[in-house]
């Protein structure tokens, strides 16, 4: 991968990270998971509130896992290992990396992994 692409992906991945951190900071400031006694007026309100909180927590967990992948991608960029498949060692297509910059598998190995997961289930 040439220097131009490396810089493109570094900037793109850093922007992803900044956006997630900005959104999570905004959610924390808004207090989306704080309990207020007035919100617990009846069973339906409590149920709705709990559903909303669970959804918010799942999104936060997803973002936390994505941040870990982003940090790993930035580390691979620093080490010159970015863009290579973890399974076969071949280069990951630029188009795949543009669609999913944190990808660690080429499309062929990812398809094989997904087929294996389907067989396991």
PDB file of N, CA and C in Angstrom:
ATOM      1  N   UNK A   1       0.845  -1.170   0.000  1.00  0.00           N
ATOM      2  CA  UNK A   1       0.000   0.000   0.000  1.00  0.00           C
ATOM      3  C   UNK A   1       0.898   1.242   0.000  1.00  0.00           C
ATOM      4  N   UNK A   2       0.551   2.182  -0.839  1.00  0.00           N
ATOM      5  CA  UNK A   2       1.382   3.377  -0.954  1.00  0.00           C
ATOM      6  C   UNK A   2       1.082   4.388   0.160  1.00  0.00           C
ATOM      7  N   UNK A   3       1.944   5.368   0.292  1.00  0.00           N
ATOM      8  CA  UNK A   3       1.848   6.363   1.369  1.00  0.00           C
ATOM      9  C   UNK A   3       0.542   7.161   1.294  1.00  0.00           C
ATOM     10  N   UNK A   4       0.075   7.421   0.080  1.00  0.00           N
ATOM     11  CA  UNK A   4      -1.166   8.176  -0.091  1.00  0.00           C
ATOM     12  C   UNK A   4      -2.347   7.417   0.510  1.00  0.00           C
ATOM     13  N   UNK A   5      -2.429   6.117   0.233  1.00  0.00           N
ATOM     14  CA  UNK A   5      -3.506   5.296   0.786  1.00  0.00           C
ATOM     15  C   UNK A   5      -3.381   5.153   2.301  1.00  0.00           C
ATOM     16  N   UNK A   6      -2.172   5.001   2.778  1.00  0.00           N
ATOM     17  CA  UNK A   6      -1.960   4.882   4.222  1.00  0.00           C
ATOM     18  C   UNK A   6      -2.459   6.135   4.925  1.00  0.00           C
ATOM     19  N   UNK A   7      -2.121   7.288   4.384  1.00  0.00           N
ATOM     20  CA  UNK A   7      -2.570   8.546   4.995  1.00  0.00           C
ATOM     21  C   UNK A   7      -4.087   8.688   4.903  1.00  0.00           C
ATOM     22  N   UNK A   8      -4.664   8.275   3.769  1.00  0.00           N
ATOM     23  CA  UNK A   8      -6.117   8.311   3.598  1.00  0.00           C
ATOM     24  C   UNK A   8      -6.794   7.475   4.680  1.00  0.00           C
ATOM     25  N   UNK A   9      -6.307   6.246   4.886  1.00  0.00           N
ATOM     26  CA  UNK A   9      -6.929   5.366   5.868  1.00  0.00           C
ATOM     27  C   UNK A   9      -6.680   5.846   7.294  1.00  0.00           C
ATOM     28  N   UNK A  10      -5.518   6.381   7.561  1.00  0.00           N
ATOM     29  CA  UNK A  10      -5.251   6.909   8.901  1.00  0.00           C
ATOM     30  C   UNK A  10      -6.242   8.033   9.227  1.00  0.00           C
ATOM     31  N   UNK A  11      -6.441   8.932   8.272  1.00  0.00           N
ATOM     32  CA  UNK A  11      -7.364  10.054   8.470  1.00  0.00           C
ATOM     33  C   UNK A  11      -8.802   9.542   8.610  1.00  0.00           C
ATOM     34  N   UNK A  12      -9.194   8.621   7.762  1.00  0.00           N
ATOM     35  CA  UNK A  12     -10.541   8.062   7.787  1.00  0.00           C
ATOM     36  C   UNK A  12     -10.826   7.344   9.109  1.00  0.00           C
ATOM     37  N   UNK A  13      -9.891   6.532   9.558  1.00  0.00           N
ATOM     38  CA  UNK A  13     -10.066   5.783  10.805  1.00  0.00           C
ATOM     39  C   UNK A  13     -10.091   6.728  11.998  1.00  0.00           C
ATOM     40  N   UNK A  14      -9.236   7.727  11.989  1.00  0.00           N
ATOM     41  CA  UNK A  14      -9.224   8.697  13.087  1.00  0.00           C
ATOM     42  C   UNK A  14     -10.536   9.472  13.139  1.00  0.00           C
ATOM     43  N   UNK A  15     -11.102   9.793  11.972  1.00  0.00           N
ATOM     44  CA  UNK A  15     -12.390  10.486  11.929  1.00  0.00           C
ATOM     45  C   UNK A  15     -13.499   9.603  12.517  1.00  0.00           C
ATOM     46  N   UNK A  16     -13.451   8.298  12.204  1.00  0.00           N
ATOM     47  CA  UNK A  16     -14.418   7.361  12.787  1.00  0.00           C
ATOM     48  C   UNK A  16     -14.325   7.392  14.308  1.00  0.00           C
ATOM     49  N   UNK A  17     -13.104   7.332  14.801  1.00  0.00           N
ATOM     50  CA  UNK A  17     -12.878   7.333  16.246  1.00  0.00           C
ATOM     51  C   UNK A  17     -13.392   8.624  16.876  1.00  0.00           C
ATOM     52  N   UNK A  18     -13.042   9.749  16.286  1.00  0.00           N
ATOM     53  CA  UNK A  18     -13.470  11.041  16.810  1.00  0.00           C
ATOM     54  C   UNK A  18     -14.991  11.147  16.851  1.00  0.00           C
ATOM     55  N   UNK A  19     -15.655  10.657  15.803  1.00  0.00           N
ATOM     56  CA  UNK A  19     -17.116  10.715  15.728  1.00  0.00           C
ATOM     57  C   UNK A  19     -17.752   9.867  16.834  1.00  0.00           C
ATOM     58  N   UNK A  20     -17.248   8.675  17.039  1.00  0.00           N
ATOM     59  CA  UNK A  20     -17.791   7.807  18.095  1.00  0.00           C
ATOM     60  C   UNK A  20     -17.583   8.442  19.463  1.00  0.00           C
ATOM     61  N   UNK A  21     -16.403   8.972  19.703  1.00  0.00           N
ATOM     62  CA  UNK A  21     -16.127   9.606  20.997  1.00  0.00           C
ATOM     63  C   UNK A  21     -16.997  10.841  21.211  1.00  0.00           C
ATOM     64  N   UNK A  22     -17.214  11.609  20.146  1.00  0.00           N
ATOM     65  CA  UNK A  22     -18.066  12.795  20.228  1.00  0.00           C
ATOM     66  C   UNK A  22     -19.510  12.386  20.574  1.00  0.00           C
ATOM     67  N   UNK A  23     -20.007  11.361  19.898  1.00  0.00           N
ATOM     68  CA  UNK A  23     -21.382  10.896  20.135  1.00  0.00           C
ATOM     69  C   UNK A  23     -21.540  10.312  21.528  1.00  0.00           C
ATOM     70  N   UNK A  24     -20.577   9.528  21.970  1.00  0.00           N
ATOM     71  CA  UNK A  24     -20.701   8.924  23.293  1.00  0.00           C
ATOM     72  C   UNK A  24     -20.592   9.982  24.382  1.00  0.00           C
ATOM     73  N   UNK A  25     -19.795  10.993  24.156  1.00  0.00           N
ATOM     74  CA  UNK A  25     -19.681  12.087  25.108  1.00  0.00           C
ATOM     75  C   UNK A  25     -20.992  12.860  25.180  1.00  0.00           C
ATOM     76  N   UNK A  26     -21.607  13.069  24.031  1.00  0.00           N
ATOM     77  CA  UNK A  26     -22.881  13.778  23.972  1.00  0.00           C
ATOM     78  C   UNK A  26     -23.961  12.982  24.706  1.00  0.00           C
ATOM     79  N   UNK A  27     -23.998  11.656  24.504  1.00  0.00           N
ATOM     80  CA  UNK A  27     -24.977  10.812  25.188  1.00  0.00           C
ATOM     81  C   UNK A  27     -24.766  10.835  26.689  1.00  0.00           C
ATOM     82  N   UNK A  28     -23.520  10.813  27.112  1.00  0.00           N
ATOM     83  CA  UNK A  28     -23.222  10.846  28.546  1.00  0.00           C
ATOM     84  C   UNK A  28     -23.666  12.176  29.139  1.00  0.00           C
ATOM     85  N   UNK A  29     -23.434  13.264  28.419  1.00  0.00           N
ATOM     86  CA  UNK A  29     -23.838  14.584  28.897  1.00  0.00           C
ATOM     87  C   UNK A  29     -25.359  14.712  29.003  1.00  0.00           C
ATOM     88  N   UNK A  30     -26.062  14.066  28.076  1.00  0.00           N
ATOM     89  CA  UNK A  30     -27.520  14.128  28.085  1.00  0.00           C
ATOM     90  C   UNK A  30     -28.123  13.225  29.154  1.00  0.00           C
ATOM     91  N   UNK A  31     -27.314  12.338  29.722  1.00  0.00           N
ATOM     92  CA  UNK A  31     -27.790  11.463  30.784  1.00  0.00           C
ATOM     93  C   UNK A  31     -28.846  10.480  30.324  1.00  0.00           C
ATOM     94  N   UNK A  32     -28.621   9.865  29.174  1.00  0.00           N
ATOM     95  CA  UNK A  32     -29.630   8.997  28.592  1.00  0.00           C
ATOM     96  C   UNK A  32     -29.955   7.754  29.422  1.00  0.00           C
ATOM     97  N   UNK A  33     -29.084   7.369  30.337  1.00  0.00           N
ATOM     98  CA  UNK A  33     -29.378   6.160  31.105  1.00  0.00           C
ATOM     99  C   UNK A  33     -29.622   6.455  32.581  1.00  0.00           C
ATOM    100  N   UNK A  34     -29.812   7.712  32.914  1.00  0.00           N
ATOM    101  CA  UNK A  34     -30.072   8.100  34.293  1.00  0.00           C
ATOM    102  C   UNK A  34     -31.540   7.836  34.626  1.00  0.00           C
ATOM    103  N   UNK A  35     -31.790   7.352  35.841  1.00  0.00           N
ATOM    104  CA  UNK A  35     -33.158   7.080  36.290  1.00  0.00           C
ATOM    105  C   UNK A  35     -33.695   8.311  37.014  1.00  0.00           C
ATOM    106  N   UNK A  36     -34.879   8.720  36.614  1.00  0.00           N
ATOM    107  CA  UNK A  36     -35.567   9.822  37.270  1.00  0.00           C
ATOM    108  C   UNK A  36     -36.870   9.257  37.819  1.00  0.00           C
ATOM    109  N   UNK A  37     -37.169   9.512  39.072  1.00  0.00           N
ATOM    110  CA  UNK A  37     -38.331   8.894  39.723  1.00  0.00           C
ATOM    111  C   UNK A  37     -39.644   9.185  38.990  1.00  0.00           C
ATOM    112  N   UNK A  38     -39.775  10.355  38.383  1.00  0.00           N
ATOM    113  CA  UNK A  38     -41.003  10.677  37.665  1.00  0.00           C
ATOM    114  C   UNK A  38     -41.210   9.775  36.455  1.00  0.00           C
ATOM    115  N   UNK A  39     -40.125   9.219  35.928  1.00  0.00           N
ATOM    116  CA  UNK A  39     -40.243   8.360  34.747  1.00  0.00           C
ATOM    117  C   UNK A  39     -40.861   7.013  35.087  1.00  0.00           C
ATOM    118  N   UNK A  40     -40.933   6.667  36.345  1.00  0.00           N
ATOM    119  CA  UNK A  40     -41.408   5.354  36.760  1.00  0.00           C
ATOM    120  C   UNK A  40     -42.858   5.391  37.221  1.00  0.00           C
ATOM    121  N   UNK A  41     -43.674   6.191  36.576  1.00  0.00           N
ATOM    122  CA  UNK A  41     -45.059   6.394  36.992  1.00  0.00           C
ATOM    123  C   UNK A  41     -45.898   5.119  36.927  1.00  0.00           C
ATOM    124  N   UNK A  42     -45.793   4.367  35.866  1.00  0.00           N
ATOM    125  CA  UNK A  42     -46.565   3.122  35.776  1.00  0.00           C
ATOM    126  C   UNK A  42     -45.751   2.043  35.080  1.00  0.00           C
ATOM    127  N   UNK A  43     -46.330   0.866  34.997  1.00  0.00           N
ATOM    128  CA  UNK A  43     -45.641  -0.298  34.444  1.00  0.00           C
ATOM    129  C   UNK A  43     -45.246  -0.086  32.987  1.00  0.00           C
ATOM    130  N   UNK A  44     -46.119   0.484  32.212  1.00  0.00           N
ATOM    131  CA  UNK A  44     -45.825   0.712  30.797  1.00  0.00           C
ATOM    132  C   UNK A  44     -44.675   1.706  30.635  1.00  0.00           C
ATOM    133  N   UNK A  45     -44.671   2.757  31.430  1.00  0.00           N
ATOM    134  CA  UNK A  45     -43.576   3.730  31.372  1.00  0.00           C
ATOM    135  C   UNK A  45     -42.260   3.076  31.759  1.00  0.00           C
ATOM    136  N   UNK A  46     -42.289   2.278  32.807  1.00  0.00           N
ATOM    137  CA  UNK A  46     -41.063   1.597  33.243  1.00  0.00           C
ATOM    138  C   UNK A  46     -40.566   0.634  32.178  1.00  0.00           C
ATOM    139  N   UNK A  47     -41.494  -0.089  31.571  1.00  0.00           N
ATOM    140  CA  UNK A  47     -41.123  -1.039  30.525  1.00  0.00           C
ATOM    141  C   UNK A  47     -40.498  -0.325  29.330  1.00  0.00           C
ATOM    142  N   UNK A  48     -41.130   0.761  28.921  1.00  0.00           N
ATOM    143  CA  UNK A  48     -40.614   1.540  27.796  1.00  0.00           C
ATOM    144  C   UNK A  48     -39.241   2.122  28.118  1.00  0.00           C
ATOM    145  N   UNK A  49     -39.106   2.651  29.323  1.00  0.00           N
ATOM    146  CA  UNK A  49     -37.829   3.219  29.752  1.00  0.00           C
ATOM    147  C   UNK A  49     -36.737   2.152  29.772  1.00  0.00           C
ATOM    148  N   UNK A  50     -37.076   0.979  30.296  1.00  0.00           N
ATOM    149  CA  UNK A  50     -36.096  -0.112  30.368  1.00  0.00           C
ATOM    150  C   UNK A  50     -35.679  -0.572  28.975  1.00  0.00           C
ATOM    151  N   UNK A  51     -36.630  -0.643  28.065  1.00  0.00           N
ATOM    152  CA  UNK A  51     -36.324  -1.022  26.682  1.00  0.00           C
ATOM    153  C   UNK A  51     -35.384  -0.009  26.044  1.00  0.00           C
ATOM    154  N   UNK A  52     -35.687   1.266  26.241  1.00  0.00           N
ATOM    155  CA  UNK A  52     -34.833   2.327  25.699  1.00  0.00           C
ATOM    156  C   UNK A  52     -33.429   2.264  26.290  1.00  0.00           C
ATOM    157  N   UNK A  53     -33.341   2.035  27.588  1.00  0.00           N
ATOM    158  CA  UNK A  53     -32.026   1.949  28.242  1.00  0.00           C
ATOM    159  C   UNK A  53     -31.234   0.763  27.740  1.00  0.00           C
ATOM    160  N   UNK A  54     -31.894  -0.376  27.599  1.00  0.00           N
ATOM    161  CA  UNK A  54     -31.196  -1.562  27.098  1.00  0.00           C
ATOM    162  C   UNK A  54     -30.667  -1.330  25.690  1.00  0.00           C
ATOM    163  N   UNK A  55     -31.467  -0.684  24.868  1.00  0.00           N
ATOM    164  CA  UNK A  55     -31.042  -0.369  23.507  1.00  0.00           C
ATOM    165  C   UNK A  55     -29.826   0.560  23.532  1.00  0.00           C
ATOM    166  N   UNK A  56     -29.887   1.587  24.366  1.00  0.00           N
ATOM    167  CA  UNK A  56     -28.775   2.530  24.487  1.00  0.00           C
ATOM    168  C   UNK A  56     -27.513   1.825  24.972  1.00  0.00           C
ATOM    169  N   UNK A  57     -27.659   0.950  25.947  1.00  0.00           N
ATOM    170  CA  UNK A  57     -26.495   0.208  26.457  1.00  0.00           C
ATOM    171  C   UNK A  57     -25.902  -0.711  25.388  1.00  0.00           C
ATOM    172  N   UNK A  58     -26.749  -1.346  24.587  1.00  0.00           N
ATOM    173  CA  UNK A  58     -26.247  -2.193  23.499  1.00  0.00           C
ATOM    174  C   UNK A  58     -25.473  -1.362  22.479  1.00  0.00           C
ATOM    175  N   UNK A  59     -25.992  -0.181  22.155  1.00  0.00           N
ATOM    176  CA  UNK A  59     -25.282   0.702  21.222  1.00  0.00           C
ATOM    177  C   UNK A  59     -23.944   1.147  21.797  1.00  0.00           C
ATOM    178  N   UNK A  60     -23.931   1.460  23.083  1.00  0.00           N
ATOM    179  CA  UNK A  60     -22.689   1.876  23.720  1.00  0.00           C
ATOM    180  C   UNK A  60     -21.665   0.735  23.720  1.00  0.00           C
ATOM    181  N   UNK A  61     -22.130  -0.489  23.949  1.00  0.00           N
ATOM    182  CA  UNK A  61     -21.238  -1.640  23.922  1.00  0.00           C
ATOM    183  C   UNK A  61     -20.700  -1.873  22.512  1.00  0.00           C
ATOM    184  N   UNK A  62     -21.559  -1.721  21.519  1.00  0.00           N
ATOM    185  CA  UNK A  62     -21.125  -1.857  20.129  1.00  0.00           C
ATOM    186  C   UNK A  62     -20.056  -0.819  19.804  1.00  0.00           C
ATOM    187  N   UNK A  63     -20.279   0.417  20.238  1.00  0.00           N
ATOM    188  CA  UNK A  63     -19.298   1.475  20.004  1.00  0.00           C
ATOM    189  C   UNK A  63     -17.984   1.184  20.726  1.00  0.00           C
ATOM    190  N   UNK A  64     -18.062   0.636  21.934  1.00  0.00           N
ATOM    191  CA  UNK A  64     -16.857   0.295  22.694  1.00  0.00           C
ATOM    192  C   UNK A  64     -16.037  -0.757  21.936  1.00  0.00           C
ATOM    193  N   UNK A  65     -16.728  -1.769  21.404  1.00  0.00           N
ATOM    194  CA  UNK A  65     -16.018  -2.808  20.628  1.00  0.00           C
ATOM    195  C   UNK A  65     -15.432  -2.235  19.340  1.00  0.00           C
ATOM    196  N   UNK A  66     -16.174  -1.328  18.693  1.00  0.00           N
ATOM    197  CA  UNK A  66     -15.671  -0.702  17.471  1.00  0.00           C
ATOM    198  C   UNK A  66     -14.456   0.170  17.773  1.00  0.00           C
ATOM    199  N   UNK A  67     -14.476   0.877  18.891  1.00  0.00           N
ATOM    200  CA  UNK A  67     -13.308   1.684  19.276  1.00  0.00           C
ATOM    201  C   UNK A  67     -12.068   0.814  19.454  1.00  0.00           C
ATOM    202  N   UNK A  68     -12.251  -0.364  20.011  1.00  0.00           N
ATOM    203  CA  UNK A  68     -11.120  -1.290  20.170  1.00  0.00           C
ATOM    204  C   UNK A  68     -10.575  -1.685  18.798  1.00  0.00           C
ATOM    205  N   UNK A  69     -11.470  -1.996  17.864  1.00  0.00           N
ATOM    206  CA  UNK A  69     -11.040  -2.356  16.510  1.00  0.00           C
ATOM    207  C   UNK A  69     -10.353  -1.176  15.816  1.00  0.00           C
ATOM    208  N   UNK A  70     -10.853   0.019  16.053  1.00  0.00           N
ATOM    209  CA  UNK A  70     -10.248   1.215  15.467  1.00  0.00           C
ATOM    210  C   UNK A  70      -8.836   1.404  16.000  1.00  0.00           C
ATOM    211  N   UNK A  71      -8.671   1.267  17.316  1.00  0.00           N
ATOM    212  CA  UNK A  71      -7.329   1.395  17.904  1.00  0.00           C
ATOM    213  C   UNK A  71      -6.385   0.333  17.364  1.00  0.00           C
ATOM    214  N   UNK A  72      -6.890  -0.874  17.165  1.00  0.00           N
ATOM    215  CA  UNK A  72      -6.060  -1.939  16.593  1.00  0.00           C
ATOM    216  C   UNK A  72      -5.673  -1.613  15.152  1.00  0.00           C
ATOM    217  N   UNK A  73      -6.605  -1.034  14.384  1.00  0.00           N
ATOM    218  CA  UNK A  73      -6.309  -0.650  13.002  1.00  0.00           C
ATOM    219  C   UNK A  73      -5.250   0.453  12.967  1.00  0.00           C
ATOM    220  N   UNK A  74      -5.367   1.432  13.863  1.00  0.00           N
ATOM    221  CA  UNK A  74      -4.353   2.495  13.936  1.00  0.00           C
ATOM    222  C   UNK A  74      -2.993   1.919  14.321  1.00  0.00           C
ATOM    223  N   UNK A  75      -2.983   0.943  15.204  1.00  0.00           N
ATOM    224  CA  UNK A  75      -1.738   0.279  15.600  1.00  0.00           C
ATOM    225  C   UNK A  75      -1.127  -0.472  14.408  1.00  0.00           C
ATOM    226  N   UNK A  76      -1.979  -1.157  13.633  1.00  0.00           N
ATOM    227  CA  UNK A  76      -1.482  -1.864  12.443  1.00  0.00           C
ATOM    228  C   UNK A  76      -0.905  -0.875  11.436  1.00  0.00           C
ATOM    229  N   UNK A  77      -1.539   0.296  11.299  1.00  0.00           N
ATOM    230  CA  UNK A  77      -1.005   1.332  10.414  1.00  0.00           C
ATOM    231  C   UNK A  77       0.378   1.766  10.877  1.00  0.00           C
ATOM    232  N   UNK A  78       0.532   1.974  12.180  1.00  0.00           N
ATOM    233  CA  UNK A  78       1.831   2.390  12.730  1.00  0.00           C
ATOM    234  C   UNK A  78       2.915   1.338  12.507  1.00  0.00           C
ATOM    235  N   UNK A  79       2.529   0.075  12.550  1.00  0.00           N
ATOM    236  CA  UNK A  79       3.492  -1.025  12.419  1.00  0.00           C
ATOM    237  C   UNK A  79       3.700  -1.475  10.970  1.00  0.00           C
ATOM    238  N   UNK A  80       2.964  -0.864  10.036  1.00  0.00           N
ATOM    239  CA  UNK A  80       3.089  -1.248   8.636  1.00  0.00           C
ATOM    240  C   UNK A  80       2.403  -2.565   8.308  1.00  0.00           C
ATOM    241  N   UNK A  81       1.456  -2.979   9.151  1.00  0.00           N
ATOM    242  CA  UNK A  81       0.749  -4.244   8.955  1.00  0.00           C
ATOM    243  C   UNK A  81      -0.688  -4.050   8.475  1.00  0.00           C
ATOM    244  N   UNK A  82      -1.082  -2.820   8.265  1.00  0.00           N
ATOM    245  CA  UNK A  82      -2.455  -2.522   7.864  1.00  0.00           C
ATOM    246  C   UNK A  82      -2.709  -2.991   6.441  1.00  0.00           C
ATOM    247  N   UNK A  83      -3.901  -3.570   6.227  1.00  0.00           N
ATOM    248  CA  UNK A  83      -4.312  -3.953   4.877  1.00  0.00           C
ATOM    249  C   UNK A  83      -3.930  -5.359   4.481  1.00  0.00           C
ATOM    250  N   UNK A  84      -3.458  -6.157   5.444  1.00  0.00           N
ATOM    251  CA  UNK A  84      -3.107  -7.543   5.162  1.00  0.00           C
ATOM    252  C   UNK A  84      -4.028  -8.465   5.944  1.00  0.00           C
ATOM    253  N   UNK A  85      -4.481  -9.518   5.287  1.00  0.00           N
ATOM    254  CA  UNK A  85      -5.410 -10.473   5.880  1.00  0.00           C
ATOM    255  C   UNK A  85      -4.737 -11.249   7.012  1.00  0.00           C
ATOM    256  N   UNK A  86      -5.426 -11.345   8.138  1.00  0.00           N
ATOM    257  CA  UNK A  86      -4.905 -12.091   9.282  1.00  0.00           C
ATOM    258  C   UNK A  86      -4.822 -13.591   9.019  1.00  0.00           C
ATOM    259  N   UNK A  87      -5.671 -14.110   8.126  1.00  0.00           N
ATOM    260  CA  UNK A  87      -5.676 -15.550   7.862  1.00  0.00           C
ATOM    261  C   UNK A  87      -4.682 -15.960   6.783  1.00  0.00           C
ATOM    262  N   UNK A  88      -4.814 -15.355   5.606  1.00  0.00           N
ATOM    263  CA  UNK A  88      -3.981 -15.808   4.476  1.00  0.00           C
ATOM    264  C   UNK A  88      -2.756 -14.924   4.229  1.00  0.00           C
ATOM    265  N   UNK A  89      -2.725 -13.736   4.811  1.00  0.00           N
ATOM    266  CA  UNK A  89      -1.582 -12.845   4.651  1.00  0.00           C
ATOM    267  C   UNK A  89      -1.595 -12.015   3.383  1.00  0.00           C
ATOM    268  N   UNK A  90      -2.580 -12.233   2.531  1.00  0.00           N
ATOM    269  CA  UNK A  90      -2.686 -11.456   1.287  1.00  0.00           C
ATOM    270  C   UNK A  90      -3.197 -10.052   1.581  1.00  0.00           C
ATOM    271  N   UNK A  91      -2.982  -9.134   0.625  1.00  0.00           N
ATOM    272  CA  UNK A  91      -3.496  -7.781   0.787  1.00  0.00           C
ATOM    273  C   UNK A  91      -5.017  -7.783   0.714  1.00  0.00           C
ATOM    274  N   UNK A  92      -5.611  -6.979   1.561  1.00  0.00           N
ATOM    275  CA  UNK A  92      -7.060  -6.785   1.528  1.00  0.00           C
ATOM    276  C   UNK A  92      -7.340  -5.715   0.474  1.00  0.00           C
ATOM    277  N   UNK A  93      -8.345  -5.957  -0.353  1.00  0.00           N
ATOM    278  CA  UNK A  93      -8.673  -5.021  -1.436  1.00  0.00           C
ATOM    279  C   UNK A  93      -8.987  -3.632  -0.881  1.00  0.00           C
ATOM    280  N   UNK A  94      -8.515  -2.622  -1.582  1.00  0.00           N
ATOM    281  CA  UNK A  94      -8.735  -1.234  -1.182  1.00  0.00           C
ATOM    282  C   UNK A  94     -10.226  -0.935  -1.042  1.00  0.00           C
ATOM    283  N   UNK A  95     -11.032  -1.460  -1.958  1.00  0.00           N
ATOM    284  CA  UNK A  95     -12.484  -1.243  -1.884  1.00  0.00           C
ATOM    285  C   UNK A  95     -13.075  -1.777  -0.587  1.00  0.00           C
ATOM    286  N   UNK A  96     -12.611  -2.939  -0.158  1.00  0.00           N
ATOM    287  CA  UNK A  96     -13.090  -3.508   1.107  1.00  0.00           C
ATOM    288  C   UNK A  96     -12.655  -2.632   2.275  1.00  0.00           C
ATOM    289  N   UNK A  97     -11.426  -2.169   2.243  1.00  0.00           N
ATOM    290  CA  UNK A  97     -10.937  -1.319   3.322  1.00  0.00           C
ATOM    291  C   UNK A  97     -11.662   0.025   3.356  1.00  0.00           C
ATOM    292  N   UNK A  98     -12.031   0.539   2.194  1.00  0.00           N
ATOM    293  CA  UNK A  98     -12.794   1.794   2.172  1.00  0.00           C
ATOM    294  C   UNK A  98     -14.177   1.588   2.776  1.00  0.00           C
ATOM    295  N   UNK A  99     -14.773   0.421   2.523  1.00  0.00           N
ATOM    296  CA  UNK A  99     -16.086   0.119   3.075  1.00  0.00           C
ATOM    297  C   UNK A  99     -16.008  -0.204   4.563  1.00  0.00           C
ATOM    298  N   UNK A 100     -14.933  -0.873   4.972  1.00  0.00           N
ATOM    299  CA  UNK A 100     -14.759  -1.303   6.371  1.00  0.00           C
ATOM    300  C   UNK A 100     -13.287  -1.168   6.739  1.00  0.00           C
ATOM    301  N   UNK A 101     -12.861   0.037   7.118  1.00  0.00           N
ATOM    302  CA  UNK A 101     -11.440   0.285   7.378  1.00  0.00           C
ATOM    303  C   UNK A 101     -10.828  -0.559   8.491  1.00  0.00           C
ATOM    304  N   UNK A 102     -11.648  -1.118   9.360  1.00  0.00           N
ATOM    305  CA  UNK A 102     -11.116  -1.932  10.453  1.00  0.00           C
ATOM    306  C   UNK A 102     -11.047  -3.418  10.082  1.00  0.00           C
ATOM    307  N   UNK A 103     -11.326  -3.745   8.821  1.00  0.00           N
ATOM    308  CA  UNK A 103     -11.320  -5.140   8.376  1.00  0.00           C
ATOM    309  C   UNK A 103      -9.946  -5.769   8.581  1.00  0.00           C
ATOM    310  N   UNK A 104      -9.959  -7.019   9.045  1.00  0.00           N
ATOM    311  CA  UNK A 104      -8.708  -7.761   9.238  1.00  0.00           C
ATOM    312  C   UNK A 104      -8.647  -9.004   8.365  1.00  0.00           C
ATOM    313  N   UNK A 105      -9.720  -9.244   7.608  1.00  0.00           N
ATOM    314  CA  UNK A 105      -9.765 -10.401   6.722  1.00  0.00           C
ATOM    315  C   UNK A 105     -10.102  -9.949   5.300  1.00  0.00           C
ATOM    316  N   UNK A 106      -9.469 -10.601   4.326  1.00  0.00           N
ATOM    317  CA  UNK A 106      -9.842 -10.337   2.934  1.00  0.00           C
ATOM    318  C   UNK A 106     -11.247 -10.887   2.724  1.00  0.00           C
ATOM    319  N   UNK A 107     -11.870 -10.535   1.644  1.00  0.00           N
ATOM    320  CA  UNK A 107     -13.264 -10.928   1.408  1.00  0.00           C
ATOM    321  C   UNK A 107     -13.405 -12.451   1.344  1.00  0.00           C
ATOM    322  N   UNK A 108     -12.441 -13.124   0.751  1.00  0.00           N
ATOM    323  CA  UNK A 108     -12.510 -14.580   0.636  1.00  0.00           C
ATOM    324  C   UNK A 108     -12.452 -15.245   2.011  1.00  0.00           C
ATOM    325  N   UNK A 109     -11.529 -14.817   2.840  1.00  0.00           N
ATOM    326  CA  UNK A 109     -11.408 -15.396   4.183  1.00  0.00           C
ATOM    327  C   UNK A 109     -12.612 -15.032   5.046  1.00  0.00           C
ATOM    328  N   UNK A 110     -13.167 -13.837   4.877  1.00  0.00           N
ATOM    329  CA  UNK A 110     -14.354 -13.435   5.620  1.00  0.00           C
ATOM    330  C   UNK A 110     -15.549 -14.286   5.220  1.00  0.00           C
ATOM    331  N   UNK A 111     -15.683 -14.548   3.920  1.00  0.00           N
ATOM    332  CA  UNK A 111     -16.774 -15.414   3.456  1.00  0.00           C
ATOM    333  C   UNK A 111     -16.620 -16.817   4.033  1.00  0.00           C
ATOM    334  N   UNK A 112     -15.391 -17.342   4.046  1.00  0.00           N
ATOM    335  CA  UNK A 112     -15.146 -18.656   4.633  1.00  0.00           C
ATOM    336  C   UNK A 112     -15.509 -18.669   6.115  1.00  0.00           C
ATOM    337  N   UNK A 113     -15.148 -17.600   6.828  1.00  0.00           N
ATOM    338  CA  UNK A 113     -15.457 -17.498   8.255  1.00  0.00           C
ATOM    339  C   UNK A 113     -16.973 -17.496   8.480  1.00  0.00           C
ATOM    340  N   UNK A 114     -17.691 -16.752   7.654  1.00  0.00           N
ATOM    341  CA  UNK A 114     -19.142 -16.674   7.796  1.00  0.00           C
ATOM    342  C   UNK A 114     -19.801 -18.013   7.470  1.00  0.00           C
ATOM    343  N   UNK A 115     -19.297 -18.725   6.470  1.00  0.00           N
ATOM    344  CA  UNK A 115     -19.830 -20.052   6.155  1.00  0.00           C
ATOM    345  C   UNK A 115     -19.615 -21.009   7.323  1.00  0.00           C
ATOM    346  N   UNK A 116     -18.441 -20.935   7.929  1.00  0.00           N
ATOM    347  CA  UNK A 116     -18.139 -21.788   9.076  1.00  0.00           C
ATOM    348  C   UNK A 116     -19.043 -21.452  10.265  1.00  0.00           C
ATOM    349  N   UNK A 117     -19.303 -20.186  10.474  1.00  0.00           N
ATOM    350  CA  UNK A 117     -20.210 -19.770  11.553  1.00  0.00           C
ATOM    351  C   UNK A 117     -21.627 -20.298  11.312  1.00  0.00           C
ATOM    352  N   UNK A 118     -22.084 -20.272  10.060  1.00  0.00           N
ATOM    353  CA  UNK A 118     -23.420 -20.792   9.737  1.00  0.00           C
ATOM    354  C   UNK A 118     -23.481 -22.292   9.996  1.00  0.00           C
ATOM    355  N   UNK A 119     -22.414 -23.015   9.634  1.00  0.00           N
ATOM    356  CA  UNK A 119     -22.385 -24.454   9.875  1.00  0.00           C
ATOM    357  C   UNK A 119     -22.386 -24.771  11.360  1.00  0.00           C
ATOM    358  N   UNK A 120     -21.737 -23.939  12.149  1.00  0.00           N
ATOM    359  CA  UNK A 120     -21.653 -24.155  13.597  1.00  0.00           C
ATOM    360  C   UNK A 120     -23.002 -23.916  14.283  1.00  0.00           C
ATOM    361  N   UNK A 121     -23.795 -23.037  13.710  1.00  0.00           N
ATOM    362  CA  UNK A 121     -25.095 -22.722  14.304  1.00  0.00           C
ATOM    363  C   UNK A 121     -26.082 -23.706  13.821  1.00  0.00           C
TER     364      UNK A 121
END
